[in-house]
Amino acid sequence: MLGFVNLQTLTKTFLEIFFTQLILRSQNDSPASRDAEPLLLCAHTLNDTAALAKGIDWYLRRKNVEKAGIAEGEAEARVAWGVGVLRKGISEILQEL
């Protein structure tokens, strides 16, 4: 899984911030809006890198991003939703392989 199992502290923090910002910035400014399309497009860019897709899926499955506490309130709920969308997109890719 490309070393996602034993991440160093700074790398883990980077990934938590990266995925949180990826999800939040992919959505419109309205806190209530949720659009899966941008996140699914991000996931589908992993088509040619199955090992990376598996590693990211493993990392997201561990709920590290949701537990990081970077987002609060509605943003926290949106991050949890976004992780699910990313995992769904990655799952589709892995089933095709």
PDB file of N, CA and C in Angstrom:
ATOM      1  N   MET A   1       0.809  -1.185   0.000  1.00  0.00           N
ATOM      2  CA  MET A   1       0.000   0.000   0.000  1.00  0.00           C
ATOM      3  C   MET A   1       0.855   1.253   0.000  1.00  0.00           C
ATOM      4  N   LEU A   2       1.952   1.198  -0.665  1.00  0.00           N
ATOM      5  CA  LEU A   2       2.827   2.341  -0.849  1.00  0.00           C
ATOM      6  C   LEU A   2       3.189   3.062   0.441  1.00  0.00           C
ATOM      7  N   GLY A   3       3.358   2.340   1.512  1.00  0.00           N
ATOM      8  CA  GLY A   3       3.806   2.940   2.761  1.00  0.00           C
ATOM      9  C   GLY A   3       2.751   3.727   3.516  1.00  0.00           C
ATOM     10  N   PHE A   4       1.483   3.587   3.188  1.00  0.00           N
ATOM     11  CA  PHE A   4       0.442   4.297   3.913  1.00  0.00           C
ATOM     12  C   PHE A   4       0.237   3.720   5.309  1.00  0.00           C
ATOM     13  N   VAL A   5       0.779   2.537   5.567  1.00  0.00           N
ATOM     14  CA  VAL A   5       0.585   1.886   6.852  1.00  0.00           C
ATOM     15  C   VAL A   5       1.378   2.586   7.949  1.00  0.00           C
ATOM     16  N   ASN A   6       2.617   2.915   7.688  1.00  0.00           N
ATOM     17  CA  ASN A   6       3.494   3.509   8.702  1.00  0.00           C
ATOM     18  C   ASN A   6       3.908   4.920   8.295  1.00  0.00           C
ATOM     19  N   LEU A   7       2.981   5.856   8.369  1.00  0.00           N
ATOM     20  CA  LEU A   7       3.285   7.229   7.990  1.00  0.00           C
ATOM     21  C   LEU A   7       3.950   7.974   9.139  1.00  0.00           C
ATOM     22  N   GLN A   8       4.884   8.842   8.787  1.00  0.00           N
ATOM     23  CA  GLN A   8       5.471   9.713   9.788  1.00  0.00           C
ATOM     24  C   GLN A   8       4.452  10.787  10.147  1.00  0.00           C
ATOM     25  N   THR A   9       4.620  11.402  11.281  1.00  0.00           N
ATOM     26  CA  THR A   9       3.648  12.354  11.808  1.00  0.00           C
ATOM     27  C   THR A   9       3.378  13.508  10.849  1.00  0.00           C
ATOM     28  N   LEU A  10       4.407  14.112  10.295  1.00  0.00           N
ATOM     29  CA  LEU A  10       4.215  15.236   9.384  1.00  0.00           C
ATOM     30  C   LEU A  10       3.533  14.804   8.085  1.00  0.00           C
ATOM     31  N   THR A  11       3.832  13.622   7.622  1.00  0.00           N
ATOM     32  CA  THR A  11       3.190  13.119   6.415  1.00  0.00           C
ATOM     33  C   THR A  11       1.714  12.869   6.668  1.00  0.00           C
ATOM     34  N   LYS A  12       1.399  12.307   7.817  1.00  0.00           N
ATOM     35  CA  LYS A  12      -0.002  12.072   8.172  1.00  0.00           C
ATOM     36  C   LYS A  12      -0.751  13.397   8.268  1.00  0.00           C
ATOM     37  N   THR A  13      -0.145  14.391   8.889  1.00  0.00           N
ATOM     38  CA  THR A  13      -0.772  15.709   8.993  1.00  0.00           C
ATOM     39  C   THR A  13      -0.986  16.314   7.615  1.00  0.00           C
ATOM     40  N   PHE A  14       0.006  16.183   6.742  1.00  0.00           N
ATOM     41  CA  PHE A  14      -0.126  16.687   5.375  1.00  0.00           C
ATOM     42  C   PHE A  14      -1.317  16.034   4.677  1.00  0.00           C
ATOM     43  N   LEU A  15      -1.434  14.719   4.756  1.00  0.00           N
ATOM     44  CA  LEU A  15      -2.534  14.024   4.084  1.00  0.00           C
ATOM     45  C   LEU A  15      -3.889  14.412   4.662  1.00  0.00           C
ATOM     46  N   GLU A  16      -3.961  14.596   5.968  1.00  0.00           N
ATOM     47  CA  GLU A  16      -5.218  15.013   6.592  1.00  0.00           C
ATOM     48  C   GLU A  16      -5.651  16.374   6.053  1.00  0.00           C
ATOM     49  N   ILE A  17      -4.706  17.317   6.004  1.00  0.00           N
ATOM     50  CA  ILE A  17      -5.015  18.654   5.488  1.00  0.00           C
ATOM     51  C   ILE A  17      -5.315  18.590   3.997  1.00  0.00           C
ATOM     52  N   PHE A  18      -4.527  17.821   3.257  1.00  0.00           N
ATOM     53  CA  PHE A  18      -4.714  17.710   1.810  1.00  0.00           C
ATOM     54  C   PHE A  18      -6.115  17.209   1.469  1.00  0.00           C
ATOM     55  N   PHE A  19      -6.530  16.110   2.057  1.00  0.00           N
ATOM     56  CA  PHE A  19      -7.844  15.548   1.726  1.00  0.00           C
ATOM     57  C   PHE A  19      -8.981  16.433   2.234  1.00  0.00           C
ATOM     58  N   THR A  20      -8.806  17.049   3.396  1.00  0.00           N
ATOM     59  CA  THR A  20      -9.827  17.964   3.901  1.00  0.00           C
ATOM     60  C   THR A  20     -10.006  19.132   2.945  1.00  0.00           C
ATOM     61  N   GLN A  21      -8.901  19.739   2.514  1.00  0.00           N
ATOM     62  CA  GLN A  21      -8.985  20.876   1.608  1.00  0.00           C
ATOM     63  C   GLN A  21      -9.482  20.458   0.219  1.00  0.00           C
ATOM     64  N   LEU A  22      -9.069  19.303  -0.246  1.00  0.00           N
ATOM     65  CA  LEU A  22      -9.539  18.802  -1.542  1.00  0.00           C
ATOM     66  C   LEU A  22     -11.057  18.702  -1.539  1.00  0.00           C
ATOM     67  N   ILE A  23     -11.601  18.145  -0.490  1.00  0.00           N
ATOM     68  CA  ILE A  23     -13.055  17.972  -0.402  1.00  0.00           C
ATOM     69  C   ILE A  23     -13.755  19.320  -0.269  1.00  0.00           C
ATOM     70  N   LEU A  24     -13.295  20.154   0.642  1.00  0.00           N
ATOM     71  CA  LEU A  24     -13.970  21.428   0.880  1.00  0.00           C
ATOM     72  C   LEU A  24     -13.869  22.368  -0.315  1.00  0.00           C
ATOM     73  N   ARG A  25     -12.719  22.415  -0.953  1.00  0.00           N
ATOM     74  CA  ARG A  25     -12.525  23.330  -2.094  1.00  0.00           C
ATOM     75  C   ARG A  25     -13.212  22.839  -3.358  1.00  0.00           C
ATOM     76  N   SER A  26     -13.521  21.558  -3.415  1.00  0.00           N
ATOM     77  CA  SER A  26     -14.193  21.028  -4.606  1.00  0.00           C
ATOM     78  C   SER A  26     -15.677  21.366  -4.626  1.00  0.00           C
ATOM     79  N   GLN A  27     -16.185  21.837  -3.506  1.00  0.00           N
ATOM     80  CA  GLN A  27     -17.605  22.156  -3.380  1.00  0.00           C
ATOM     81  C   GLN A  27     -17.831  23.652  -3.563  1.00  0.00           C
ATOM     82  N   ASN A  28     -19.071  24.024  -3.832  1.00  0.00           N
ATOM     83  CA  ASN A  28     -19.417  25.435  -3.959  1.00  0.00           C
ATOM     84  C   ASN A  28     -19.289  26.125  -2.618  1.00  0.00           C
ATOM     85  N   ASP A  29     -19.375  27.440  -2.623  1.00  0.00           N
ATOM     86  CA  ASP A  29     -19.245  28.208  -1.391  1.00  0.00           C
ATOM     87  C   ASP A  29     -20.405  27.988  -0.431  1.00  0.00           C
ATOM     88  N   SER A  30     -21.538  27.561  -0.942  1.00  0.00           N
ATOM     89  CA  SER A  30     -22.699  27.342  -0.093  1.00  0.00           C
ATOM     90  C   SER A  30     -22.454  26.142   0.825  1.00  0.00           C
ATOM     91  N   PRO A  31     -22.618  26.311   2.128  1.00  0.00           N
ATOM     92  CA  PRO A  31     -22.350  25.204   3.048  1.00  0.00           C
ATOM     93  C   PRO A  31     -23.280  24.011   2.861  1.00  0.00           C
ATOM     94  N   ALA A  32     -24.449  24.248   2.295  1.00  0.00           N
ATOM     95  CA  ALA A  32     -25.414  23.158   2.137  1.00  0.00           C
ATOM     96  C   ALA A  32     -25.222  22.382   0.831  1.00  0.00           C
ATOM     97  N   SER A  33     -24.450  22.924  -0.096  1.00  0.00           N
ATOM     98  CA  SER A  33     -24.320  22.253  -1.395  1.00  0.00           C
ATOM     99  C   SER A  33     -23.326  21.095  -1.330  1.00  0.00           C
ATOM    100  N   ARG A  34     -23.670  20.054  -2.046  1.00  0.00           N
ATOM    101  CA  ARG A  34     -22.778  18.896  -2.144  1.00  0.00           C
ATOM    102  C   ARG A  34     -22.858  18.377  -3.571  1.00  0.00           C
ATOM    103  N   ASP A  35     -21.708  18.367  -4.229  1.00  0.00           N
ATOM    104  CA  ASP A  35     -21.640  17.934  -5.610  1.00  0.00           C
ATOM    105  C   ASP A  35     -20.562  16.856  -5.706  1.00  0.00           C
ATOM    106  N   ALA A  36     -20.976  15.641  -5.982  1.00  0.00           N
ATOM    107  CA  ALA A  36     -20.042  14.510  -6.017  1.00  0.00           C
ATOM    108  C   ALA A  36     -19.153  14.522  -7.256  1.00  0.00           C
ATOM    109  N   GLU A  37     -19.580  15.161  -8.319  1.00  0.00           N
ATOM    110  CA  GLU A  37     -18.864  15.114  -9.600  1.00  0.00           C
ATOM    111  C   GLU A  37     -17.378  15.500  -9.501  1.00  0.00           C
ATOM    112  N   PRO A  38     -17.014  16.642  -8.882  1.00  0.00           N
ATOM    113  CA  PRO A  38     -15.588  16.980  -8.808  1.00  0.00           C
ATOM    114  C   PRO A  38     -14.758  15.941  -8.056  1.00  0.00           C
ATOM    115  N   LEU A  39     -15.333  15.379  -7.011  1.00  0.00           N
ATOM    116  CA  LEU A  39     -14.597  14.378  -6.236  1.00  0.00           C
ATOM    117  C   LEU A  39     -14.447  13.072  -7.012  1.00  0.00           C
ATOM    118  N   LEU A  40     -15.480  12.690  -7.744  1.00  0.00           N
ATOM    119  CA  LEU A  40     -15.385  11.480  -8.566  1.00  0.00           C
ATOM    120  C   LEU A  40     -14.367  11.665  -9.687  1.00  0.00           C
ATOM    121  N   LEU A  41     -14.288  12.869 -10.243  1.00  0.00           N
ATOM    122  CA  LEU A  41     -13.272  13.147 -11.267  1.00  0.00           C
ATOM    123  C   LEU A  41     -11.867  13.013 -10.675  1.00  0.00           C
ATOM    124  N   CYS A  42     -11.688  13.489  -9.455  1.00  0.00           N
ATOM    125  CA  CYS A  42     -10.383  13.341  -8.778  1.00  0.00           C
ATOM    126  C   CYS A  42     -10.047  11.868  -8.586  1.00  0.00           C
ATOM    127  N   ALA A  43     -11.031  11.099  -8.150  1.00  0.00           N
ATOM    128  CA  ALA A  43     -10.799   9.671  -7.919  1.00  0.00           C
ATOM    129  C   ALA A  43     -10.454   8.964  -9.225  1.00  0.00           C
ATOM    130  N   HIS A  44     -11.117   9.343 -10.301  1.00  0.00           N
ATOM    131  CA  HIS A  44     -10.891   8.656 -11.578  1.00  0.00           C
ATOM    132  C   HIS A  44      -9.545   9.006 -12.220  1.00  0.00           C
ATOM    133  N   THR A  45      -8.844  10.003 -11.691  1.00  0.00           N
ATOM    134  CA  THR A  45      -7.498  10.274 -12.184  1.00  0.00           C
ATOM    135  C   THR A  45      -6.522   9.190 -11.732  1.00  0.00           C
ATOM    136  N   LEU A  46      -6.963   8.332 -10.824  1.00  0.00           N
ATOM    137  CA  LEU A  46      -6.124   7.237 -10.326  1.00  0.00           C
ATOM    138  C   LEU A  46      -6.241   5.978 -11.190  1.00  0.00           C
ATOM    139  N   ASN A  47      -6.899   6.074 -12.342  1.00  0.00           N
ATOM    140  CA  ASN A  47      -7.110   4.914 -13.218  1.00  0.00           C
ATOM    141  C   ASN A  47      -5.836   4.144 -13.529  1.00  0.00           C
ATOM    142  N   ASP A  48      -4.760   4.854 -13.786  1.00  0.00           N
ATOM    143  CA  ASP A  48      -3.521   4.201 -14.217  1.00  0.00           C
ATOM    144  C   ASP A  48      -2.590   3.827 -13.072  1.00  0.00           C
ATOM    145  N   THR A  49      -2.992   4.112 -11.853  1.00  0.00           N
ATOM    146  CA  THR A  49      -2.122   3.846 -10.710  1.00  0.00           C
ATOM    147  C   THR A  49      -2.877   3.050  -9.649  1.00  0.00           C
ATOM    148  N   ALA A  50      -3.047   1.788  -9.914  1.00  0.00           N
ATOM    149  CA  ALA A  50      -3.832   0.925  -9.017  1.00  0.00           C
ATOM    150  C   ALA A  50      -3.226   0.857  -7.611  1.00  0.00           C
ATOM    151  N   ALA A  51      -1.916   0.804  -7.513  1.00  0.00           N
ATOM    152  CA  ALA A  51      -1.281   0.709  -6.194  1.00  0.00           C
ATOM    153  C   ALA A  51      -1.550   1.965  -5.372  1.00  0.00           C
ATOM    154  N   LEU A  52      -1.481   3.120  -6.007  1.00  0.00           N
ATOM    155  CA  LEU A  52      -1.771   4.369  -5.308  1.00  0.00           C
ATOM    156  C   LEU A  52      -3.242   4.431  -4.915  1.00  0.00           C
ATOM    157  N   ALA A  53      -4.126   4.002  -5.805  1.00  0.00           N
ATOM    158  CA  ALA A  53      -5.564   3.979  -5.508  1.00  0.00           C
ATOM    159  C   ALA A  53      -5.837   3.089  -4.297  1.00  0.00           C
ATOM    160  N   LYS A  54      -5.209   1.926  -4.238  1.00  0.00           N
ATOM    161  CA  LYS A  54      -5.398   1.026  -3.096  1.00  0.00           C
ATOM    162  C   LYS A  54      -4.885   1.648  -1.806  1.00  0.00           C
ATOM    163  N   GLY A  55      -3.736   2.319  -1.882  1.00  0.00           N
ATOM    164  CA  GLY A  55      -3.170   2.966  -0.702  1.00  0.00           C
ATOM    165  C   GLY A  55      -4.044   4.095  -0.184  1.00  0.00           C
ATOM    166  N   ILE A  56      -4.542   4.921  -1.095  1.00  0.00           N
ATOM    167  CA  ILE A  56      -5.413   6.026  -0.689  1.00  0.00           C
ATOM    168  C   ILE A  56      -6.713   5.487  -0.114  1.00  0.00           C
ATOM    169  N   ASP A  57      -7.271   4.462  -0.739  1.00  0.00           N
ATOM    170  CA  ASP A  57      -8.501   3.858  -0.229  1.00  0.00           C
ATOM    171  C   ASP A  57      -8.273   3.315   1.178  1.00  0.00           C
ATOM    172  N   TRP A  58      -7.159   2.640   1.389  1.00  0.00           N
ATOM    173  CA  TRP A  58      -6.840   2.100   2.712  1.00  0.00           C
ATOM    174  C   TRP A  58      -6.737   3.240   3.724  1.00  0.00           C
ATOM    175  N   TYR A  59      -6.060   4.324   3.344  1.00  0.00           N
ATOM    176  CA  TYR A  59      -5.883   5.463   4.251  1.00  0.00           C
ATOM    177  C   TYR A  59      -7.223   6.110   4.595  1.00  0.00           C
ATOM    178  N   LEU A  60      -8.071   6.305   3.590  1.00  0.00           N
ATOM    179  CA  LEU A  60      -9.369   6.932   3.830  1.00  0.00           C
ATOM    180  C   LEU A  60     -10.293   6.024   4.643  1.00  0.00           C
ATOM    181  N   ARG A  61     -10.168   4.728   4.465  1.00  0.00           N
ATOM    182  CA  ARG A  61     -10.992   3.782   5.209  1.00  0.00           C
ATOM    183  C   ARG A  61     -10.706   3.850   6.710  1.00  0.00           C
ATOM    184  N   ARG A  62      -9.518   4.222   7.080  1.00  0.00           N
ATOM    185  CA  ARG A  62      -9.129   4.314   8.495  1.00  0.00           C
ATOM    186  C   ARG A  62      -9.726   5.528   9.190  1.00  0.00           C
ATOM    187  N   LYS A  63     -10.439   6.360   8.458  1.00  0.00           N
ATOM    188  CA  LYS A  63     -11.112   7.560   8.981  1.00  0.00           C
ATOM    189  C   LYS A  63     -10.137   8.562   9.587  1.00  0.00           C
ATOM    190  N   ASN A  64      -8.884   8.566   9.122  1.00  0.00           N
ATOM    191  CA  ASN A  64      -7.897   9.523   9.619  1.00  0.00           C
ATOM    192  C   ASN A  64      -8.304  10.955   9.335  1.00  0.00           C
ATOM    193  N   VAL A  65      -8.879  11.185   8.168  1.00  0.00           N
ATOM    194  CA  VAL A  65      -9.230  12.542   7.765  1.00  0.00           C
ATOM    195  C   VAL A  65     -10.373  13.070   8.623  1.00  0.00           C
ATOM    196  N   GLU A  66     -11.395  12.248   8.847  1.00  0.00           N
ATOM    197  CA  GLU A  66     -12.527  12.690   9.652  1.00  0.00           C
ATOM    198  C   GLU A  66     -12.132  12.921  11.109  1.00  0.00           C
ATOM    199  N   LYS A  67     -11.231  12.091  11.622  1.00  0.00           N
ATOM    200  CA  LYS A  67     -10.834  12.189  13.019  1.00  0.00           C
ATOM    201  C   LYS A  67      -9.801  13.290  13.274  1.00  0.00           C
ATOM    202  N   ALA A  68      -9.279  13.897  12.219  1.00  0.00           N
ATOM    203  CA  ALA A  68      -8.220  14.888  12.381  1.00  0.00           C
ATOM    204  C   ALA A  68      -8.695  16.141  13.109  1.00  0.00           C
ATOM    205  N   GLY A  69      -9.984  16.439  13.026  1.00  0.00           N
ATOM    206  CA  GLY A  69     -10.515  17.607  13.717  1.00  0.00           C
ATOM    207  C   GLY A  69     -10.151  18.919  13.052  1.00  0.00           C
ATOM    208  N   ILE A  70      -9.808  18.890  11.780  1.00  0.00           N
ATOM    209  CA  ILE A  70      -9.438  20.112  11.072  1.00  0.00           C
ATOM    210  C   ILE A  70     -10.681  20.928  10.734  1.00  0.00           C
ATOM    211  N   ALA A  71     -11.748  20.255  10.334  1.00  0.00           N
ATOM    212  CA  ALA A  71     -13.000  20.926   9.977  1.00  0.00           C
ATOM    213  C   ALA A  71     -13.979  20.819  11.139  1.00  0.00           C
ATOM    214  N   GLU A  72     -14.847  21.813  11.223  1.00  0.00           N
ATOM    215  CA  GLU A  72     -15.841  21.828  12.295  1.00  0.00           C
ATOM    216  C   GLU A  72     -17.224  22.082  11.725  1.00  0.00           C
ATOM    217  N   GLY A  73     -18.251  21.655  12.435  1.00  0.00           N
ATOM    218  CA  GLY A  73     -19.629  21.935  12.057  1.00  0.00           C
ATOM    219  C   GLY A  73     -20.016  21.299  10.738  1.00  0.00           C
ATOM    220  N   GLU A  74     -20.634  22.102   9.868  1.00  0.00           N
ATOM    221  CA  GLU A  74     -21.076  21.619   8.561  1.00  0.00           C
ATOM    222  C   GLU A  74     -19.890  21.153   7.716  1.00  0.00           C
ATOM    223  N   ALA A  75     -18.757  21.814   7.844  1.00  0.00           N
ATOM    224  CA  ALA A  75     -17.570  21.410   7.089  1.00  0.00           C
ATOM    225  C   ALA A  75     -17.130  20.004   7.478  1.00  0.00           C
ATOM    226  N   GLU A  76     -17.248  19.672   8.745  1.00  0.00           N
ATOM    227  CA  GLU A  76     -16.888  18.334   9.213  1.00  0.00           C
ATOM    228  C   GLU A  76     -17.793  17.278   8.586  1.00  0.00           C
ATOM    229  N   ALA A  77     -19.090  17.585   8.530  1.00  0.00           N
ATOM    230  CA  ALA A  77     -20.035  16.659   7.899  1.00  0.00           C
ATOM    231  C   ALA A  77     -19.754  16.540   6.404  1.00  0.00           C
ATOM    232  N   ARG A  78     -19.372  17.642   5.780  1.00  0.00           N
ATOM    233  CA  ARG A  78     -19.067  17.619   4.350  1.00  0.00           C
ATOM    234  C   ARG A  78     -17.800  16.802   4.078  1.00  0.00           C
ATOM    235  N   VAL A  79     -16.826  16.887   4.963  1.00  0.00           N
ATOM    236  CA  VAL A  79     -15.598  16.097   4.802  1.00  0.00           C
ATOM    237  C   VAL A  79     -15.916  14.612   4.910  1.00  0.00           C
ATOM    238  N   ALA A  80     -16.721  14.228   5.888  1.00  0.00           N
ATOM    239  CA  ALA A  80     -17.099  12.817   6.042  1.00  0.00           C
ATOM    240  C   ALA A  80     -17.836  12.336   4.795  1.00  0.00           C
ATOM    241  N   TRP A  81     -18.739  13.145   4.273  1.00  0.00           N
ATOM    242  CA  TRP A  81     -19.456  12.804   3.038  1.00  0.00           C
ATOM    243  C   TRP A  81     -18.477  12.683   1.874  1.00  0.00           C
ATOM    244  N   GLY A  82     -17.547  13.637   1.769  1.00  0.00           N
ATOM    245  CA  GLY A  82     -16.581  13.644   0.673  1.00  0.00           C
ATOM    246  C   GLY A  82     -15.664  12.435   0.683  1.00  0.00           C
ATOM    247  N   VAL A  83     -15.265  11.996   1.864  1.00  0.00           N
ATOM    248  CA  VAL A  83     -14.435  10.793   1.967  1.00  0.00           C
ATOM    249  C   VAL A  83     -15.200   9.595   1.404  1.00  0.00           C
ATOM    250  N   GLY A  84     -16.480   9.515   1.726  1.00  0.00           N
ATOM    251  CA  GLY A  84     -17.303   8.431   1.188  1.00  0.00           C
ATOM    252  C   GLY A  84     -17.390   8.476  -0.327  1.00  0.00           C
ATOM    253  N   VAL A  85     -17.515   9.669  -0.879  1.00  0.00           N
ATOM    254  CA  VAL A  85     -17.583   9.821  -2.338  1.00  0.00           C
ATOM    255  C   VAL A  85     -16.252   9.414  -2.971  1.00  0.00           C
ATOM    256  N   LEU A  86     -15.145   9.861  -2.396  1.00  0.00           N
ATOM    257  CA  LEU A  86     -13.830   9.481  -2.922  1.00  0.00           C
ATOM    258  C   LEU A  86     -13.633   7.972  -2.883  1.00  0.00           C
ATOM    259  N   ARG A  87     -14.038   7.360  -1.774  1.00  0.00           N
ATOM    260  CA  ARG A  87     -13.902   5.902  -1.656  1.00  0.00           C
ATOM    261  C   ARG A  87     -14.770   5.184  -2.673  1.00  0.00           C
ATOM    262  N   LYS A  88     -15.956   5.707  -2.941  1.00  0.00           N
ATOM    263  CA  LYS A  88     -16.832   5.117  -3.951  1.00  0.00           C
ATOM    264  C   LYS A  88     -16.178   5.183  -5.325  1.00  0.00           C
ATOM    265  N   GLY A  89     -15.596   6.335  -5.660  1.00  0.00           N
ATOM    266  CA  GLY A  89     -14.907   6.483  -6.944  1.00  0.00           C
ATOM    267  C   GLY A  89     -13.714   5.555  -7.069  1.00  0.00           C
ATOM    268  N   ILE A  90     -12.948   5.430  -6.011  1.00  0.00           N
ATOM    269  CA  ILE A  90     -11.789   4.538  -6.024  1.00  0.00           C
ATOM    270  C   ILE A  90     -12.247   3.091  -6.137  1.00  0.00           C
ATOM    271  N   SER A  91     -13.321   2.750  -5.457  1.00  0.00           N
ATOM    272  CA  SER A  91     -13.871   1.398  -5.524  1.00  0.00           C
ATOM    273  C   SER A  91     -14.259   1.033  -6.956  1.00  0.00           C
ATOM    274  N   GLU A  92     -14.869   1.969  -7.663  1.00  0.00           N
ATOM    275  CA  GLU A  92     -15.234   1.739  -9.058  1.00  0.00           C
ATOM    276  C   GLU A  92     -14.001   1.457  -9.913  1.00  0.00           C
ATOM    277  N   ILE A  93     -12.937   2.198  -9.665  1.00  0.00           N
ATOM    278  CA  ILE A  93     -11.688   1.996 -10.405  1.00  0.00           C
ATOM    279  C   ILE A  93     -11.114   0.608 -10.124  1.00  0.00           C
ATOM    280  N   LEU A  94     -11.074   0.239  -8.860  1.00  0.00           N
ATOM    281  CA  LEU A  94     -10.485  -1.053  -8.495  1.00  0.00           C
ATOM    282  C   LEU A  94     -11.294  -2.222  -8.996  1.00  0.00           C
ATOM    283  N   GLN A  95     -12.605  -2.071  -9.130  1.00  0.00           N
ATOM    284  CA  GLN A  95     -13.427  -3.141  -9.675  1.00  0.00           C
ATOM    285  C   GLN A  95     -13.161  -3.349 -11.165  1.00  0.00           C
ATOM    286  N   GLU A  96     -12.782  -2.284 -11.866  1.00  0.00           N
ATOM    287  CA  GLU A  96     -12.507  -2.394 -13.284  1.00  0.00           C
ATOM    288  C   GLU A  96     -11.197  -3.104 -13.569  1.00  0.00           C
ATOM    289  N   LEU A  97     -10.300  -3.152 -12.594  1.00  0.00           N
ATOM    290  CA  LEU A  97      -8.979  -3.762 -12.806  1.00  0.00           C
ATOM    291  C   LEU A  97      -9.024  -5.259 -12.719  1.00  0.00           C
TER     292      LEU A  97
END
